[in-house]
Each structure stands twice: as C-alpha cells, then as structure tokens.
Amino acid sequence: MKCKECGGKGKIKEYVCGEWLGNYVTCGFCHGKGEVVQTNEEWFCGLPTEEKAVVIMNIRNLAVYKEQIVEWLKQPHTIKE
C-alpha cells in the first residue's frame, strides 16, 4: 500500500527546527520505496463493520484455532480487493 508519510514518493521535505531546508530526504517510514507492507490486521481494522462481519463468518466456517487467527493477522495482506 502507498506510504502515508511521503504519499508514495519515497522522499519527504527536510526540516530543521521547523524550517524547511529546501531539499528532500529519503522517507524514513518506507525507506524510499513509496510502499509499505500492510498486515492482515491493519487491513481488517480498516474494513467497515459489515465487511468485518463477513470475514469473521468465513473464518468461523474454517474451524481454525486462536493461534492460527493471530498468526494470520500478523501476516502481510496479499488479497487484492
């Protein structure tokens, strides 16, 4: 997903004591990639309530254990909407 710090540009304005120095530096959040990895938990938290309910219903039908759900939440989100 696009880095929220730099807007996907990989660079941010350099400030010292609140003053812009007129140049750009590598974004420290995405390390200049412009993209960050989103976990399944971050993706899930961003869903509207109705969609969360559908995901939970689907997980319940899989008969998984708490440890498996915790592990899934920590994984990078790869399903494209």
PDB file of N, CA and C in Angstrom:
ATOM      1  N   MET A   1       0.840  -1.172   0.000  1.00  0.00           N
ATOM      2  CA  MET A   1       0.000   0.000   0.000  1.00  0.00           C
ATOM      3  C   MET A   1       0.887   1.239   0.000  1.00  0.00           C
ATOM      4  N   LYS A   2       0.371   2.340  -0.511  1.00  0.00           N
ATOM      5  CA  LYS A   2       1.145   3.569  -0.627  1.00  0.00           C
ATOM      6  C   LYS A   2       1.485   4.125   0.753  1.00  0.00           C
ATOM      7  N   CYS A   3       2.718   4.560   0.913  1.00  0.00           N
ATOM      8  CA  CYS A   3       3.189   5.131   2.172  1.00  0.00           C
ATOM      9  C   CYS A   3       2.414   6.422   2.471  1.00  0.00           C
ATOM     10  N   LYS A   4       1.875   6.519   3.677  1.00  0.00           N
ATOM     11  CA  LYS A   4       1.102   7.700   4.061  1.00  0.00           C
ATOM     12  C   LYS A   4       1.998   8.881   4.422  1.00  0.00           C
ATOM     13  N   GLU A   5       3.246   8.606   4.793  1.00  0.00           N
ATOM     14  CA  GLU A   5       4.175   9.683   5.164  1.00  0.00           C
ATOM     15  C   GLU A   5       4.600  10.508   3.957  1.00  0.00           C
ATOM     16  N   CYS A   6       4.982   9.824   2.881  1.00  0.00           N
ATOM     17  CA  CYS A   6       5.530  10.531   1.711  1.00  0.00           C
ATOM     18  C   CYS A   6       4.569  10.538   0.530  1.00  0.00           C
ATOM     19  N   GLY A   7       3.389   9.937   0.696  1.00  0.00           N
ATOM     20  CA  GLY A   7       2.425   9.898  -0.396  1.00  0.00           C
ATOM     21  C   GLY A   7       2.859   9.016  -1.549  1.00  0.00           C
ATOM     22  N   GLY A   8       3.775   8.083  -1.281  1.00  0.00           N
ATOM     23  CA  GLY A   8       4.237   7.163  -2.314  1.00  0.00           C
ATOM     24  C   GLY A   8       5.414   7.688  -3.120  1.00  0.00           C
ATOM     25  N   LYS A   9       5.945   8.844  -2.739  1.00  0.00           N
ATOM     26  CA  LYS A   9       7.052   9.448  -3.486  1.00  0.00           C
ATOM     27  C   LYS A   9       8.424   8.940  -3.041  1.00  0.00           C
ATOM     28  N   GLY A  10       8.515   8.423  -1.810  1.00  0.00           N
ATOM     29  CA  GLY A  10       9.790   7.935  -1.305  1.00  0.00           C
ATOM     30  C   GLY A  10      10.682   9.020  -0.737  1.00  0.00           C
ATOM     31  N   LYS A  11      10.286  10.271  -0.852  1.00  0.00           N
ATOM     32  CA  LYS A  11      11.061  11.411  -0.354  1.00  0.00           C
ATOM     33  C   LYS A  11      10.136  12.337   0.430  1.00  0.00           C
ATOM     34  N   ILE A  12      10.705  12.980   1.440  1.00  0.00           N
ATOM     35  CA  ILE A  12       9.971  13.979   2.218  1.00  0.00           C
ATOM     36  C   ILE A  12      10.834  15.228   2.368  1.00  0.00           C
ATOM     37  N   LYS A  13      10.190  16.353   2.657  1.00  0.00           N
ATOM     38  CA  LYS A  13      10.928  17.598   2.864  1.00  0.00           C
ATOM     39  C   LYS A  13      11.769  17.484   4.127  1.00  0.00           C
ATOM     40  N   GLU A  14      12.981  18.042   4.088  1.00  0.00           N
ATOM     41  CA  GLU A  14      13.865  18.025   5.253  1.00  0.00           C
ATOM     42  C   GLU A  14      13.663  19.309   6.051  1.00  0.00           C
ATOM     43  N   TYR A  15      13.326  19.133   7.319  1.00  0.00           N
ATOM     44  CA  TYR A  15      13.110  20.266   8.215  1.00  0.00           C
ATOM     45  C   TYR A  15      14.122  20.237   9.346  1.00  0.00           C
ATOM     46  N   VAL A  16      14.598  21.402   9.754  1.00  0.00           N
ATOM     47  CA  VAL A  16      15.439  21.548  10.932  1.00  0.00           C
ATOM     48  C   VAL A  16      14.854  22.691  11.745  1.00  0.00           C
ATOM     49  N   CYS A  17      14.549  22.402  13.006  1.00  0.00           N
ATOM     50  CA  CYS A  17      13.938  23.399  13.893  1.00  0.00           C
ATOM     51  C   CYS A  17      12.695  24.027  13.264  1.00  0.00           C
ATOM     52  N   GLY A  18      11.914  23.224  12.567  1.00  0.00           N
ATOM     53  CA  GLY A  18      10.674  23.686  11.965  1.00  0.00           C
ATOM     54  C   GLY A  18      10.836  24.426  10.648  1.00  0.00           C
ATOM     55  N   GLU A  19      12.058  24.584  10.157  1.00  0.00           N
ATOM     56  CA  GLU A  19      12.285  25.281   8.892  1.00  0.00           C
ATOM     57  C   GLU A  19      12.682  24.303   7.803  1.00  0.00           C
ATOM     58  N   TRP A  20      12.034  24.457   6.647  1.00  0.00           N
ATOM     59  CA  TRP A  20      12.356  23.606   5.504  1.00  0.00           C
ATOM     60  C   TRP A  20      13.684  24.064   4.916  1.00  0.00           C
ATOM     61  N   LEU A  21      14.577  23.125   4.708  1.00  0.00           N
ATOM     62  CA  LEU A  21      15.909  23.457   4.201  1.00  0.00           C
ATOM     63  C   LEU A  21      15.952  23.572   2.677  1.00  0.00           C
ATOM     64  N   GLY A  22      14.821  23.314   2.036  1.00  0.00           N
ATOM     65  CA  GLY A  22      14.765  23.452   0.584  1.00  0.00           C
ATOM     66  C   GLY A  22      15.146  22.189  -0.175  1.00  0.00           C
ATOM     67  N   ASN A  23      15.348  21.098   0.546  1.00  0.00           N
ATOM     68  CA  ASN A  23      15.673  19.848  -0.147  1.00  0.00           C
ATOM     69  C   ASN A  23      14.841  18.694   0.411  1.00  0.00           C
ATOM     70  N   TYR A  24      14.967  17.560  -0.222  1.00  0.00           N
ATOM     71  CA  TYR A  24      14.203  16.380   0.150  1.00  0.00           C
ATOM     72  C   TYR A  24      15.152  15.268   0.596  1.00  0.00           C
ATOM     73  N   VAL A  25      14.668  14.455   1.526  1.00  0.00           N
ATOM     74  CA  VAL A  25      15.444  13.316   2.016  1.00  0.00           C
ATOM     75  C   VAL A  25      14.605  12.052   1.872  1.00  0.00           C
ATOM     76  N   THR A  26      15.270  10.907   1.953  1.00  0.00           N
ATOM     77  CA  THR A  26      14.576   9.631   1.861  1.00  0.00           C
ATOM     78  C   THR A  26      13.598   9.486   3.014  1.00  0.00           C
ATOM     79  N   CYS A  27      12.401   9.047   2.701  1.00  0.00           N
ATOM     80  CA  CYS A  27      11.370   8.822   3.713  1.00  0.00           C
ATOM     81  C   CYS A  27      11.833   7.717   4.664  1.00  0.00           C
ATOM     82  N   GLY A  28      11.821   7.999   5.944  1.00  0.00           N
ATOM     83  CA  GLY A  28      12.240   7.028   6.939  1.00  0.00           C
ATOM     84  C   GLY A  28      11.197   5.965   7.220  1.00  0.00           C
ATOM     85  N   PHE A  29       9.956   6.233   6.834  1.00  0.00           N
ATOM     86  CA  PHE A  29       8.883   5.281   7.110  1.00  0.00           C
ATOM     87  C   PHE A  29       8.893   4.129   6.116  1.00  0.00           C
ATOM     88  N   CYS A  30       9.062   4.449   4.821  1.00  0.00           N
ATOM     89  CA  CYS A  30       9.056   3.401   3.780  1.00  0.00           C
ATOM     90  C   CYS A  30      10.459   3.141   3.238  1.00  0.00           C
ATOM     91  N   HIS A  31      11.452   3.875   3.744  1.00  0.00           N
ATOM     92  CA  HIS A  31      12.855   3.743   3.316  1.00  0.00           C
ATOM     93  C   HIS A  31      13.032   4.009   1.822  1.00  0.00           C
ATOM     94  N   GLY A  32      12.264   4.972   1.320  1.00  0.00           N
ATOM     95  CA  GLY A  32      12.402   5.403  -0.066  1.00  0.00           C
ATOM     96  C   GLY A  32      11.659   4.568  -1.085  1.00  0.00           C
ATOM     97  N   LYS A  33      10.935   3.547  -0.647  1.00  0.00           N
ATOM     98  CA  LYS A  33      10.216   2.665  -1.576  1.00  0.00           C
ATOM     99  C   LYS A  33       8.875   3.239  -2.014  1.00  0.00           C
ATOM    100  N   GLY A  34       8.291   4.093  -1.203  1.00  0.00           N
ATOM    101  CA  GLY A  34       6.980   4.653  -1.527  1.00  0.00           C
ATOM    102  C   GLY A  34       5.839   3.712  -1.185  1.00  0.00           C
ATOM    103  N   GLU A  35       6.180   2.514  -0.787  1.00  0.00           N
ATOM    104  CA  GLU A  35       5.189   1.492  -0.443  1.00  0.00           C
ATOM    105  C   GLU A  35       5.509   0.929   0.938  1.00  0.00           C
ATOM    106  N   VAL A  36       4.482   0.550   1.670  1.00  0.00           N
ATOM    107  CA  VAL A  36       4.668  -0.132   2.949  1.00  0.00           C
ATOM    108  C   VAL A  36       3.835  -1.410   2.942  1.00  0.00           C
ATOM    109  N   VAL A  37       4.282  -2.397   3.702  1.00  0.00           N
ATOM    110  CA  VAL A  37       3.551  -3.657   3.802  1.00  0.00           C
ATOM    111  C   VAL A  37       2.449  -3.489   4.837  1.00  0.00           C
ATOM    112  N   GLN A  38       1.251  -3.843   4.450  1.00  0.00           N
ATOM    113  CA  GLN A  38       0.108  -3.777   5.344  1.00  0.00           C
ATOM    114  C   GLN A  38      -0.184  -5.187   5.843  1.00  0.00           C
ATOM    115  N   THR A  39      -0.341  -5.352   7.157  1.00  0.00           N
ATOM    116  CA  THR A  39      -0.678  -6.669   7.692  1.00  0.00           C
ATOM    117  C   THR A  39      -2.175  -6.924   7.525  1.00  0.00           C
ATOM    118  N   ASN A  40      -2.557  -8.178   7.670  1.00  0.00           N
ATOM    119  CA  ASN A  40      -3.979  -8.517   7.612  1.00  0.00           C
ATOM    120  C   ASN A  40      -4.751  -7.803   8.720  1.00  0.00           C
ATOM    121  N   GLU A  41      -4.116  -7.624   9.882  1.00  0.00           N
ATOM    122  CA  GLU A  41      -4.783  -6.924  10.979  1.00  0.00           C
ATOM    123  C   GLU A  41      -5.065  -5.472  10.608  1.00  0.00           C
ATOM    124  N   GLU A  42      -4.082  -4.797  10.017  1.00  0.00           N
ATOM    125  CA  GLU A  42      -4.292  -3.410   9.595  1.00  0.00           C
ATOM    126  C   GLU A  42      -5.384  -3.328   8.539  1.00  0.00           C
ATOM    127  N   TRP A  43      -5.372  -4.272   7.596  1.00  0.00           N
ATOM    128  CA  TRP A  43      -6.400  -4.323   6.558  1.00  0.00           C
ATOM    129  C   TRP A  43      -7.771  -4.547   7.191  1.00  0.00           C
ATOM    130  N   PHE A  44      -7.860  -5.529   8.117  1.00  0.00           N
ATOM    131  CA  PHE A  44      -9.118  -5.863   8.764  1.00  0.00           C
ATOM    132  C   PHE A  44      -9.673  -4.670   9.539  1.00  0.00           C
ATOM    133  N   CYS A  45      -8.798  -3.963  10.273  1.00  0.00           N
ATOM    134  CA  CYS A  45      -9.238  -2.807  11.071  1.00  0.00           C
ATOM    135  C   CYS A  45      -9.806  -1.686  10.197  1.00  0.00           C
ATOM    136  N   GLY A  46      -9.379  -1.640   8.945  1.00  0.00           N
ATOM    137  CA  GLY A  46      -9.870  -0.601   8.036  1.00  0.00           C
ATOM    138  C   GLY A  46     -11.181  -0.937   7.353  1.00  0.00           C
ATOM    139  N   LEU A  47     -11.680  -2.152   7.554  1.00  0.00           N
ATOM    140  CA  LEU A  47     -12.933  -2.551   6.914  1.00  0.00           C
ATOM    141  C   LEU A  47     -14.132  -1.958   7.629  1.00  0.00           C
ATOM    142  N   PRO A  48     -15.213  -1.693   6.884  1.00  0.00           N
ATOM    143  CA  PRO A  48     -16.459  -1.294   7.534  1.00  0.00           C
ATOM    144  C   PRO A  48     -17.020  -2.476   8.342  1.00  0.00           C
ATOM    145  N   THR A  49     -17.879  -2.198   9.292  1.00  0.00           N
ATOM    146  CA  THR A  49     -18.425  -3.213  10.192  1.00  0.00           C
ATOM    147  C   THR A  49     -19.050  -4.389   9.448  1.00  0.00           C
ATOM    148  N   GLU A  50     -19.828  -4.113   8.410  1.00  0.00           N
ATOM    149  CA  GLU A  50     -20.494  -5.193   7.669  1.00  0.00           C
ATOM    150  C   GLU A  50     -19.488  -6.144   7.027  1.00  0.00           C
ATOM    151  N   GLU A  51     -18.405  -5.599   6.471  1.00  0.00           N
ATOM    152  CA  GLU A  51     -17.389  -6.443   5.832  1.00  0.00           C
ATOM    153  C   GLU A  51     -16.593  -7.230   6.872  1.00  0.00           C
ATOM    154  N   LYS A  52     -16.353  -6.634   8.049  1.00  0.00           N
ATOM    155  CA  LYS A  52     -15.697  -7.376   9.121  1.00  0.00           C
ATOM    156  C   LYS A  52     -16.534  -8.590   9.502  1.00  0.00           C
ATOM    157  N   ALA A  53     -17.847  -8.397   9.572  1.00  0.00           N
ATOM    158  CA  ALA A  53     -18.738  -9.499   9.930  1.00  0.00           C
ATOM    159  C   ALA A  53     -18.624 -10.643   8.924  1.00  0.00           C
ATOM    160  N   VAL A  54     -18.526 -10.324   7.642  1.00  0.00           N
ATOM    161  CA  VAL A  54     -18.392 -11.359   6.608  1.00  0.00           C
ATOM    162  C   VAL A  54     -17.075 -12.113   6.770  1.00  0.00           C
ATOM    163  N   VAL A  55     -15.990 -11.392   7.022  1.00  0.00           N
ATOM    164  CA  VAL A  55     -14.691 -12.041   7.214  1.00  0.00           C
ATOM    165  C   VAL A  55     -14.741 -12.973   8.417  1.00  0.00           C
ATOM    166  N   ILE A  56     -15.337 -12.521   9.525  1.00  0.00           N
ATOM    167  CA  ILE A  56     -15.439 -13.355  10.724  1.00  0.00           C
ATOM    168  C   ILE A  56     -16.285 -14.596  10.445  1.00  0.00           C
ATOM    169  N   MET A  57     -17.380 -14.431   9.716  1.00  0.00           N
ATOM    170  CA  MET A  57     -18.207 -15.590   9.363  1.00  0.00           C
ATOM    171  C   MET A  57     -17.407 -16.600   8.548  1.00  0.00           C
ATOM    172  N   ASN A  58     -16.609 -16.116   7.603  1.00  0.00           N
ATOM    173  CA  ASN A  58     -15.797 -17.015   6.781  1.00  0.00           C
ATOM    174  C   ASN A  58     -14.748 -17.735   7.613  1.00  0.00           C
ATOM    175  N   ILE A  59     -14.141 -17.044   8.568  1.00  0.00           N
ATOM    176  CA  ILE A  59     -13.150 -17.676   9.440  1.00  0.00           C
ATOM    177  C   ILE A  59     -13.806 -18.735  10.314  1.00  0.00           C
ATOM    178  N   ARG A  60     -14.985 -18.446  10.820  1.00  0.00           N
ATOM    179  CA  ARG A  60     -15.693 -19.417  11.675  1.00  0.00           C
ATOM    180  C   ARG A  60     -15.963 -20.710  10.925  1.00  0.00           C
ATOM    181  N   ASN A  61     -16.259 -20.604   9.653  1.00  0.00           N
ATOM    182  CA  ASN A  61     -16.553 -21.791   8.843  1.00  0.00           C
ATOM    183  C   ASN A  61     -15.314 -22.646   8.596  1.00  0.00           C
ATOM    184  N   LEU A  62     -14.126 -22.098   8.834  1.00  0.00           N
ATOM    185  CA  LEU A  62     -12.895 -22.840   8.608  1.00  0.00           C
ATOM    186  C   LEU A  62     -12.469 -23.672   9.822  1.00  0.00           C
ATOM    187  N   ALA A  63     -13.133 -23.487  10.965  1.00  0.00           N
ATOM    188  CA  ALA A  63     -12.806 -24.210  12.205  1.00  0.00           C
ATOM    189  C   ALA A  63     -11.319 -24.081  12.540  1.00  0.00           C
ATOM    190  N   VAL A  64     -10.840 -22.851  12.620  1.00  0.00           N
ATOM    191  CA  VAL A  64      -9.439 -22.604  12.948  1.00  0.00           C
ATOM    192  C   VAL A  64      -9.299 -22.293  14.435  1.00  0.00           C
ATOM    193  N   TYR A  65      -8.077 -22.339  14.913  1.00  0.00           N
ATOM    194  CA  TYR A  65      -7.792 -22.072  16.316  1.00  0.00           C
ATOM    195  C   TYR A  65      -7.301 -20.635  16.504  1.00  0.00           C
ATOM    196  N   LYS A  66      -7.395 -20.163  17.747  1.00  0.00           N
ATOM    197  CA  LYS A  66      -6.987 -18.792  18.078  1.00  0.00           C
ATOM    198  C   LYS A  66      -5.577 -18.500  17.587  1.00  0.00           C
ATOM    199  N   GLU A  67      -4.646 -19.418  17.803  1.00  0.00           N
ATOM    200  CA  GLU A  67      -3.253 -19.217  17.409  1.00  0.00           C
ATOM    201  C   GLU A  67      -3.129 -19.016  15.898  1.00  0.00           C
ATOM    202  N   GLN A  68      -3.936 -19.738  15.132  1.00  0.00           N
ATOM    203  CA  GLN A  68      -3.902 -19.599  13.675  1.00  0.00           C
ATOM    204  C   GLN A  68      -4.432 -18.236  13.239  1.00  0.00           C
ATOM    205  N   ILE A  69      -5.452 -17.745  13.917  1.00  0.00           N
ATOM    206  CA  ILE A  69      -6.012 -16.428  13.592  1.00  0.00           C
ATOM    207  C   ILE A  69      -4.998 -15.337  13.930  1.00  0.00           C
ATOM    208  N   VAL A  70      -4.359 -15.446  15.097  1.00  0.00           N
ATOM    209  CA  VAL A  70      -3.336 -14.467  15.486  1.00  0.00           C
ATOM    210  C   VAL A  70      -2.217 -14.449  14.461  1.00  0.00           C
ATOM    211  N   GLU A  71      -1.762 -15.619  14.032  1.00  0.00           N
ATOM    212  CA  GLU A  71      -0.700 -15.707  13.024  1.00  0.00           C
ATOM    213  C   GLU A  71      -1.148 -15.071  11.710  1.00  0.00           C
ATOM    214  N   TRP A  72      -2.400 -15.318  11.299  1.00  0.00           N
ATOM    215  CA  TRP A  72      -2.936 -14.733  10.062  1.00  0.00           C
ATOM    216  C   TRP A  72      -2.966 -13.209  10.153  1.00  0.00           C
ATOM    217  N   LEU A  73      -3.371 -12.679  11.303  1.00  0.00           N
ATOM    218  CA  LEU A  73      -3.445 -11.227  11.471  1.00  0.00           C
ATOM    219  C   LEU A  73      -2.077 -10.568  11.334  1.00  0.00           C
ATOM    220  N   LYS A  74      -1.009 -11.269  11.702  1.00  0.00           N
ATOM    221  CA  LYS A  74       0.333 -10.721  11.632  1.00  0.00           C
ATOM    222  C   LYS A  74       0.947 -10.789  10.238  1.00  0.00           C
ATOM    223  N   GLN A  75       0.378 -11.576   9.341  1.00  0.00           N
ATOM    224  CA  GLN A  75       0.938 -11.759   8.011  1.00  0.00           C
ATOM    225  C   GLN A  75       0.676 -10.534   7.128  1.00  0.00           C
ATOM    226  N   PRO A  76       1.556 -10.290   6.136  1.00  0.00           N
ATOM    227  CA  PRO A  76       1.292  -9.208   5.174  1.00  0.00           C
ATOM    228  C   PRO A  76      -0.004  -9.482   4.428  1.00  0.00           C
ATOM    229  N   HIS A  77      -0.762  -8.451   4.199  1.00  0.00           N
ATOM    230  CA  HIS A  77      -2.030  -8.579   3.482  1.00  0.00           C
ATOM    231  C   HIS A  77      -1.760  -8.716   1.998  1.00  0.00           C
ATOM    232  N   THR A  78      -2.232  -9.790   1.368  1.00  0.00           N
ATOM    233  CA  THR A  78      -1.950 -10.027  -0.042  1.00  0.00           C
ATOM    234  C   THR A  78      -3.180 -10.124  -0.904  1.00  0.00           C
ATOM    235  N   ILE A  79      -4.357 -10.219  -0.322  1.00  0.00           N
ATOM    236  CA  ILE A  79      -5.595 -10.334  -1.093  1.00  0.00           C
ATOM    237  C   ILE A  79      -5.967  -8.946  -1.620  1.00  0.00           C
ATOM    238  N   LYS A  80      -6.120  -8.844  -2.923  1.00  0.00           N
ATOM    239  CA  LYS A  80      -6.486  -7.563  -3.530  1.00  0.00           C
ATOM    240  C   LYS A  80      -8.011  -7.469  -3.589  1.00  0.00           C
ATOM    241  N   GLU A  81      -8.541  -6.325  -3.151  1.00  0.00           N
ATOM    242  CA  GLU A  81      -9.984  -6.117  -3.186  1.00  0.00           C
ATOM    243  C   GLU A  81     -10.442  -5.848  -4.589  1.00  0.00           C
TER     244      GLU A  81
END
